[in-house]
Amino acid sequence: MVLVTHDLGVVAGFTDQIAVMYAGKLVERARTKTLFAEMKMPYTYSLLKSIPKLADPSHTRLATITGRPPDLVNPPKGCNFAPRCPFARERCHEEEPTLEQAGSSDHVFACWYPVGSPEFRERESELAAQGYVKESIEAVS
């Protein structure tokens, strides 16, 4: 069965494997537990950050992904997610990443600077210094 949703919280308890797509392209695929524990794609990270948390007070503002999805007729050069990705660097806007294998053979992702990489951590520190709030995603693991 295939279930299509933007809410990864919905699929967490009902799937064996998740394929994350952006602008019609596969950007990450892994076993469900692996994806939640070891995500690599900043789009996946952003989707997980947008899941409402039961512990948050009522009417808490949800985390969102800024910007608009790309024009699929005239997609941007490089990674389709780069214009909306707070972790994007120059290379992301110039070159489209290919699917790479993560730790296990059934976990693939398409990102030049995946979640957890030194470049990702460096950018995350820069964003934190600018007031960017890092939300915890441990509750969905």
N, C-alpha and C. Protein backbone atom coordinates (compact mmCIF):
# COMPACT_ATOMS: atom_id res chain seq x y z
N MET A 1 0.84 -1.17 0.00
CA MET A 1 0.00 0.00 0.00
C MET A 1 0.89 1.23 0.00
N VAL A 2 0.48 2.27 -0.71
CA VAL A 2 1.19 3.53 -0.74
C VAL A 2 0.32 4.58 -0.06
N LEU A 3 0.91 5.30 0.87
CA LEU A 3 0.23 6.38 1.58
C LEU A 3 0.98 7.66 1.28
N VAL A 4 0.29 8.66 0.76
CA VAL A 4 0.92 9.93 0.41
C VAL A 4 0.48 10.98 1.42
N THR A 5 1.45 11.64 2.06
CA THR A 5 1.15 12.67 3.06
C THR A 5 2.37 13.56 3.26
N HIS A 6 2.13 14.77 3.78
CA HIS A 6 3.22 15.64 4.21
C HIS A 6 3.46 15.48 5.70
N ASP A 7 2.63 14.74 6.37
CA ASP A 7 2.70 14.57 7.82
C ASP A 7 3.40 13.26 8.17
N LEU A 8 4.69 13.33 8.43
CA LEU A 8 5.43 12.11 8.75
C LEU A 8 4.98 11.50 10.06
N GLY A 9 4.37 12.29 10.93
CA GLY A 9 3.82 11.75 12.16
C GLY A 9 2.72 10.74 11.90
N VAL A 10 1.97 10.93 10.83
CA VAL A 10 0.89 10.01 10.47
C VAL A 10 1.44 8.65 10.06
N VAL A 11 2.53 8.65 9.31
CA VAL A 11 3.05 7.38 8.79
C VAL A 11 3.99 6.67 9.75
N ALA A 12 4.43 7.35 10.79
CA ALA A 12 5.43 6.79 11.71
C ALA A 12 5.05 5.42 12.25
N GLY A 13 3.83 5.23 12.66
CA GLY A 13 3.43 3.97 13.26
C GLY A 13 2.81 2.97 12.31
N PHE A 14 2.71 3.31 11.03
CA PHE A 14 1.99 2.45 10.10
C PHE A 14 2.82 1.96 8.92
N THR A 15 4.10 2.31 8.86
CA THR A 15 4.90 1.96 7.70
C THR A 15 6.17 1.21 8.09
N ASP A 16 6.67 0.45 7.14
CA ASP A 16 7.97 -0.21 7.30
C ASP A 16 9.07 0.63 6.68
N GLN A 17 8.71 1.37 5.63
CA GLN A 17 9.68 2.15 4.89
C GLN A 17 9.03 3.45 4.44
N ILE A 18 9.82 4.52 4.38
CA ILE A 18 9.32 5.82 3.94
C ILE A 18 10.19 6.32 2.81
N ALA A 19 9.53 6.82 1.77
CA ALA A 19 10.21 7.51 0.68
C ALA A 19 9.77 8.97 0.72
N VAL A 20 10.71 9.87 0.89
CA VAL A 20 10.41 11.30 0.94
C VAL A 20 10.72 11.87 -0.44
N MET A 21 9.72 12.58 -0.97
CA MET A 21 9.89 13.18 -2.30
C MET A 21 9.74 14.69 -2.18
N TYR A 22 10.46 15.39 -3.06
CA TYR A 22 10.32 16.84 -3.15
C TYR A 22 10.36 17.21 -4.62
N ALA A 23 9.39 17.98 -5.05
CA ALA A 23 9.29 18.42 -6.45
C ALA A 23 9.34 17.24 -7.41
N GLY A 24 8.67 16.15 -7.02
CA GLY A 24 8.57 14.99 -7.89
C GLY A 24 9.78 14.09 -7.92
N LYS A 25 10.76 14.33 -7.07
CA LYS A 25 11.98 13.52 -7.06
C LYS A 25 12.20 12.90 -5.68
N LEU A 26 12.72 11.70 -5.68
CA LEU A 26 13.07 11.03 -4.43
C LEU A 26 14.26 11.76 -3.81
N VAL A 27 14.12 12.18 -2.55
CA VAL A 27 15.23 12.86 -1.87
C VAL A 27 15.76 12.06 -0.68
N GLU A 28 14.93 11.11 -0.17
CA GLU A 28 15.41 10.24 0.90
C GLU A 28 14.48 9.03 1.00
N ARG A 29 15.08 7.87 1.25
CA ARG A 29 14.30 6.64 1.45
C ARG A 29 15.04 5.79 2.47
N ALA A 30 14.27 5.27 3.44
CA ALA A 30 14.87 4.42 4.47
C ALA A 30 13.76 3.66 5.19
N ARG A 31 14.18 2.66 5.96
CA ARG A 31 13.24 2.01 6.86
C ARG A 31 12.73 3.09 7.81
N THR A 32 11.50 2.98 8.24
CA THR A 32 10.87 4.03 9.05
C THR A 32 11.69 4.40 10.28
N LYS A 33 12.10 3.40 11.05
CA LYS A 33 12.87 3.69 12.27
C LYS A 33 14.20 4.37 11.94
N THR A 34 14.83 3.95 10.85
CA THR A 34 16.10 4.56 10.43
C THR A 34 15.88 6.00 10.03
N LEU A 35 14.82 6.26 9.27
CA LEU A 35 14.56 7.63 8.81
C LEU A 35 14.37 8.58 9.99
N PHE A 36 13.59 8.17 10.98
CA PHE A 36 13.35 9.04 12.12
C PHE A 36 14.60 9.21 12.98
N ALA A 37 15.43 8.21 13.07
CA ALA A 37 16.61 8.26 13.92
C ALA A 37 17.84 8.87 13.23
N GLU A 38 17.92 8.69 11.91
CA GLU A 38 19.15 9.08 11.20
C GLU A 38 18.86 9.81 9.89
N MET A 39 17.86 10.70 9.87
CA MET A 39 17.53 11.40 8.63
C MET A 39 18.75 12.15 8.12
N LYS A 40 18.82 12.30 6.81
CA LYS A 40 19.95 12.98 6.18
C LYS A 40 19.53 14.22 5.40
N MET A 41 18.34 14.21 4.84
CA MET A 41 17.90 15.29 3.97
C MET A 41 17.29 16.43 4.79
N PRO A 42 17.74 17.68 4.59
CA PRO A 42 17.15 18.80 5.31
C PRO A 42 15.64 18.95 5.08
N TYR A 43 15.11 18.49 3.95
CA TYR A 43 13.66 18.55 3.75
C TYR A 43 12.97 17.60 4.73
N THR A 44 13.51 16.40 4.90
CA THR A 44 12.96 15.45 5.86
C THR A 44 13.03 16.05 7.26
N TYR A 45 14.15 16.64 7.60
CA TYR A 45 14.35 17.31 8.89
C TYR A 45 13.28 18.39 9.10
N SER A 46 13.03 19.18 8.06
CA SER A 46 12.03 20.25 8.15
C SER A 46 10.62 19.70 8.32
N LEU A 47 10.30 18.61 7.62
CA LEU A 47 8.99 17.98 7.77
C LEU A 47 8.80 17.48 9.21
N LEU A 48 9.84 16.89 9.76
CA LEU A 48 9.75 16.38 11.13
C LEU A 48 9.61 17.52 12.14
N LYS A 49 10.28 18.64 11.90
CA LYS A 49 10.17 19.78 12.79
C LYS A 49 8.76 20.36 12.77
N SER A 50 8.03 20.15 11.68
CA SER A 50 6.69 20.75 11.56
C SER A 50 5.60 19.92 12.23
N ILE A 51 5.94 18.76 12.76
CA ILE A 51 4.95 17.92 13.44
C ILE A 51 4.57 18.57 14.77
N PRO A 52 3.27 18.78 15.02
CA PRO A 52 2.87 19.35 16.31
C PRO A 52 3.26 18.42 17.46
N LYS A 53 3.63 18.99 18.58
CA LYS A 53 4.03 18.21 19.74
C LYS A 53 2.94 18.28 20.80
N LEU A 54 2.58 17.14 21.34
CA LEU A 54 1.52 17.08 22.35
C LEU A 54 1.86 17.90 23.59
N ALA A 55 3.14 18.02 23.89
CA ALA A 55 3.56 18.75 25.08
C ALA A 55 3.46 20.27 24.92
N ASP A 56 3.33 20.75 23.68
CA ASP A 56 3.24 22.19 23.45
C ASP A 56 1.89 22.72 23.91
N PRO A 57 1.86 23.95 24.41
CA PRO A 57 0.58 24.55 24.80
C PRO A 57 -0.34 24.70 23.58
N SER A 58 -1.63 24.76 23.85
CA SER A 58 -2.62 24.97 22.80
C SER A 58 -2.30 26.27 22.05
N HIS A 59 -2.51 26.28 20.77
CA HIS A 59 -2.30 27.43 19.89
C HIS A 59 -0.83 27.78 19.69
N THR A 60 0.07 26.84 19.97
CA THR A 60 1.48 27.07 19.70
C THR A 60 1.67 27.13 18.19
N ARG A 61 2.42 28.11 17.74
CA ARG A 61 2.69 28.27 16.31
C ARG A 61 3.52 27.08 15.82
N LEU A 62 3.10 26.49 14.71
CA LEU A 62 3.80 25.35 14.14
C LEU A 62 5.01 25.82 13.34
N ALA A 63 6.05 25.00 13.33
CA ALA A 63 7.21 25.28 12.49
C ALA A 63 6.80 25.10 11.04
N THR A 64 7.25 25.99 10.18
CA THR A 64 6.90 25.91 8.76
C THR A 64 8.16 25.92 7.91
N ILE A 65 7.98 25.54 6.66
CA ILE A 65 9.06 25.61 5.68
C ILE A 65 8.80 26.89 4.89
N THR A 66 9.71 27.84 4.99
CA THR A 66 9.51 29.12 4.32
C THR A 66 9.57 28.98 2.81
N GLY A 67 9.07 29.98 2.12
CA GLY A 67 9.13 30.01 0.66
C GLY A 67 8.02 29.21 0.01
N ARG A 68 8.16 29.02 -1.28
CA ARG A 68 7.16 28.31 -2.07
C ARG A 68 7.82 27.14 -2.80
N PRO A 69 7.05 26.10 -3.08
CA PRO A 69 7.60 24.98 -3.87
C PRO A 69 8.06 25.49 -5.23
N PRO A 70 8.99 24.79 -5.85
CA PRO A 70 9.53 25.26 -7.13
C PRO A 70 8.53 25.10 -8.28
N ASP A 71 8.75 25.87 -9.31
CA ASP A 71 8.00 25.74 -10.56
C ASP A 71 8.51 24.48 -11.25
N LEU A 72 7.67 23.48 -11.38
CA LEU A 72 8.12 22.21 -11.96
C LEU A 72 8.34 22.29 -13.46
N VAL A 73 7.77 23.30 -14.11
CA VAL A 73 8.01 23.49 -15.55
C VAL A 73 9.40 24.10 -15.76
N ASN A 74 9.78 25.02 -14.89
CA ASN A 74 11.10 25.66 -14.94
C ASN A 74 11.76 25.52 -13.58
N PRO A 75 12.22 24.32 -13.22
CA PRO A 75 12.80 24.13 -11.88
C PRO A 75 14.10 24.92 -11.73
N PRO A 76 14.45 25.23 -10.49
CA PRO A 76 15.69 25.96 -10.26
C PRO A 76 16.91 25.10 -10.60
N LYS A 77 18.00 25.75 -10.85
CA LYS A 77 19.26 25.06 -11.06
C LYS A 77 19.69 24.47 -9.73
N GLY A 78 20.32 23.32 -9.74
CA GLY A 78 20.80 22.70 -8.51
C GLY A 78 19.71 21.91 -7.81
N CYS A 79 19.77 21.87 -6.50
CA CYS A 79 18.80 21.15 -5.69
C CYS A 79 17.48 21.90 -5.69
N ASN A 80 16.38 21.23 -5.96
CA ASN A 80 15.07 21.87 -5.97
C ASN A 80 14.68 22.47 -4.62
N PHE A 81 15.20 21.90 -3.53
CA PHE A 81 14.86 22.39 -2.20
C PHE A 81 15.75 23.57 -1.77
N ALA A 82 16.85 23.81 -2.45
CA ALA A 82 17.82 24.83 -2.04
C ALA A 82 17.22 26.21 -1.79
N PRO A 83 16.29 26.72 -2.62
CA PRO A 83 15.75 28.05 -2.34
C PRO A 83 14.98 28.15 -1.02
N ARG A 84 14.54 27.03 -0.47
CA ARG A 84 13.77 27.03 0.78
C ARG A 84 14.57 26.47 1.95
N CYS A 85 15.76 25.97 1.69
CA CYS A 85 16.55 25.27 2.70
C CYS A 85 17.44 26.24 3.47
N PRO A 86 17.26 26.34 4.79
CA PRO A 86 18.11 27.24 5.57
C PRO A 86 19.56 26.76 5.67
N PHE A 87 19.83 25.53 5.26
CA PHE A 87 21.17 24.96 5.35
C PHE A 87 21.90 24.96 4.00
N ALA A 88 21.25 25.47 2.95
CA ALA A 88 21.83 25.45 1.61
C ALA A 88 23.06 26.33 1.52
N ARG A 89 23.98 25.88 0.71
CA ARG A 89 25.20 26.63 0.41
C ARG A 89 25.27 26.83 -1.10
N GLU A 90 26.28 27.50 -1.57
CA GLU A 90 26.39 27.83 -2.99
C GLU A 90 26.27 26.60 -3.89
N ARG A 91 26.94 25.52 -3.53
CA ARG A 91 26.92 24.31 -4.35
C ARG A 91 25.48 23.79 -4.55
N CYS A 92 24.67 23.94 -3.52
CA CYS A 92 23.27 23.47 -3.58
C CYS A 92 22.49 24.19 -4.68
N HIS A 93 22.83 25.45 -4.91
CA HIS A 93 22.14 26.25 -5.92
C HIS A 93 22.71 26.03 -7.32
N GLU A 94 23.83 25.34 -7.42
CA GLU A 94 24.49 25.13 -8.71
C GLU A 94 24.39 23.70 -9.23
N GLU A 95 24.51 22.71 -8.33
CA GLU A 95 24.56 21.30 -8.75
C GLU A 95 23.45 20.49 -8.10
N GLU A 96 22.78 19.67 -8.88
CA GLU A 96 21.76 18.79 -8.33
C GLU A 96 22.43 17.58 -7.69
N PRO A 97 22.15 17.31 -6.42
CA PRO A 97 22.78 16.16 -5.78
C PRO A 97 22.19 14.84 -6.30
N THR A 98 23.02 13.81 -6.29
CA THR A 98 22.57 12.47 -6.68
C THR A 98 22.26 11.67 -5.43
N LEU A 99 21.53 10.59 -5.59
CA LEU A 99 21.23 9.73 -4.44
C LEU A 99 22.50 9.07 -3.95
N GLU A 100 22.75 9.19 -2.67
CA GLU A 100 23.91 8.58 -2.01
C GLU A 100 23.41 7.58 -0.99
N GLN A 101 24.22 6.57 -0.74
CA GLN A 101 23.87 5.58 0.28
C GLN A 101 24.34 6.07 1.64
N ALA A 102 23.44 5.97 2.62
CA ALA A 102 23.81 6.32 3.99
C ALA A 102 24.39 5.07 4.65
N GLY A 103 24.27 4.94 5.96
CA GLY A 103 24.85 3.83 6.69
C GLY A 103 24.43 2.45 6.20
N SER A 104 23.15 2.26 5.90
CA SER A 104 22.69 0.95 5.45
C SER A 104 22.32 1.01 3.98
N SER A 105 22.30 -0.13 3.33
CA SER A 105 22.05 -0.17 1.89
C SER A 105 20.64 0.27 1.53
N ASP A 106 19.71 0.22 2.49
CA ASP A 106 18.34 0.62 2.16
C ASP A 106 18.05 2.07 2.56
N HIS A 107 19.07 2.83 2.91
CA HIS A 107 18.90 4.25 3.24
C HIS A 107 19.67 5.08 2.22
N VAL A 108 18.94 5.82 1.39
CA VAL A 108 19.56 6.69 0.40
C VAL A 108 19.03 8.11 0.57
N PHE A 109 19.82 9.08 0.15
CA PHE A 109 19.44 10.49 0.27
C PHE A 109 20.13 11.28 -0.82
N ALA A 110 19.59 12.46 -1.13
CA ALA A 110 20.16 13.35 -2.14
C ALA A 110 20.41 14.71 -1.51
N CYS A 111 21.61 14.92 -1.00
CA CYS A 111 21.96 16.20 -0.39
C CYS A 111 23.48 16.32 -0.33
N TRP A 112 23.98 17.51 -0.66
CA TRP A 112 25.42 17.75 -0.58
C TRP A 112 25.89 17.90 0.86
N TYR A 113 25.04 18.45 1.72
CA TYR A 113 25.42 18.72 3.11
C TYR A 113 24.35 18.13 4.03
N PRO A 114 24.33 16.81 4.18
CA PRO A 114 23.25 16.15 4.92
C PRO A 114 23.24 16.48 6.41
N VAL A 115 22.09 16.26 7.00
CA VAL A 115 21.90 16.46 8.44
C VAL A 115 23.01 15.68 9.18
N GLY A 116 23.66 16.35 10.10
CA GLY A 116 24.72 15.71 10.88
C GLY A 116 26.12 15.90 10.31
N SER A 117 26.23 16.34 9.06
CA SER A 117 27.56 16.55 8.47
C SER A 117 28.21 17.78 9.10
N PRO A 118 29.54 17.90 9.02
CA PRO A 118 30.20 19.08 9.59
C PRO A 118 29.65 20.39 9.02
N GLU A 119 29.35 20.40 7.71
CA GLU A 119 28.82 21.61 7.08
C GLU A 119 27.43 21.94 7.60
N PHE A 120 26.61 20.90 7.81
CA PHE A 120 25.27 21.11 8.36
C PHE A 120 25.38 21.68 9.77
N ARG A 121 26.25 21.09 10.58
CA ARG A 121 26.41 21.56 11.97
C ARG A 121 26.93 23.00 12.02
N GLU A 122 27.86 23.31 11.12
CA GLU A 122 28.39 24.67 11.07
C GLU A 122 27.28 25.67 10.74
N ARG A 123 26.46 25.35 9.74
CA ARG A 123 25.37 26.24 9.36
C ARG A 123 24.32 26.32 10.48
N GLU A 124 24.07 25.21 11.14
CA GLU A 124 23.12 25.17 12.25
C GLU A 124 23.59 26.12 13.36
N SER A 125 24.90 26.14 13.64
CA SER A 125 25.45 27.05 14.65
C SER A 125 25.29 28.51 14.22
N GLU A 126 25.53 28.77 12.94
CA GLU A 126 25.35 30.13 12.41
C GLU A 126 23.90 30.58 12.58
N LEU A 127 22.98 29.70 12.25
CA LEU A 127 21.55 30.03 12.36
C LEU A 127 21.15 30.25 13.81
N ALA A 128 21.69 29.44 14.72
CA ALA A 128 21.38 29.59 16.15
C ALA A 128 21.88 30.96 16.64
N ALA A 129 23.05 31.38 16.17
CA ALA A 129 23.59 32.67 16.56
C ALA A 129 22.73 33.83 16.04
N GLN A 130 22.00 33.58 14.95
CA GLN A 130 21.12 34.60 14.36
C GLN A 130 19.71 34.54 14.94
N GLY A 131 19.49 33.65 15.91
CA GLY A 131 18.19 33.56 16.54
C GLY A 131 17.29 32.48 15.98
N TYR A 132 17.80 31.67 15.06
CA TYR A 132 17.03 30.56 14.52
C TYR A 132 16.83 29.55 15.65
N VAL A 133 15.60 29.15 15.91
CA VAL A 133 15.30 28.23 17.01
C VAL A 133 15.29 26.81 16.49
N LYS A 134 16.10 25.96 17.08
CA LYS A 134 16.13 24.54 16.71
C LYS A 134 15.11 23.81 17.57
N GLU A 135 14.13 23.25 16.92
CA GLU A 135 13.09 22.50 17.64
C GLU A 135 13.56 21.07 17.85
N SER A 136 13.18 20.47 18.94
CA SER A 136 13.50 19.08 19.20
C SER A 136 12.59 18.17 18.40
N ILE A 137 13.16 17.15 17.78
CA ILE A 137 12.34 16.19 17.03
C ILE A 137 12.42 14.81 17.68
N GLU A 138 12.99 14.75 18.88
CA GLU A 138 13.15 13.48 19.56
C GLU A 138 11.83 12.81 19.89
N ALA A 139 10.78 13.57 20.07
CA ALA A 139 9.49 13.03 20.47
C ALA A 139 8.89 12.08 19.45
N VAL A 140 9.30 12.20 18.18
CA VAL A 140 8.72 11.33 17.15
C VAL A 140 9.59 10.11 16.86
N SER A 141 10.75 10.01 17.48
CA SER A 141 11.68 8.90 17.17
C SER A 141 11.11 7.57 17.53
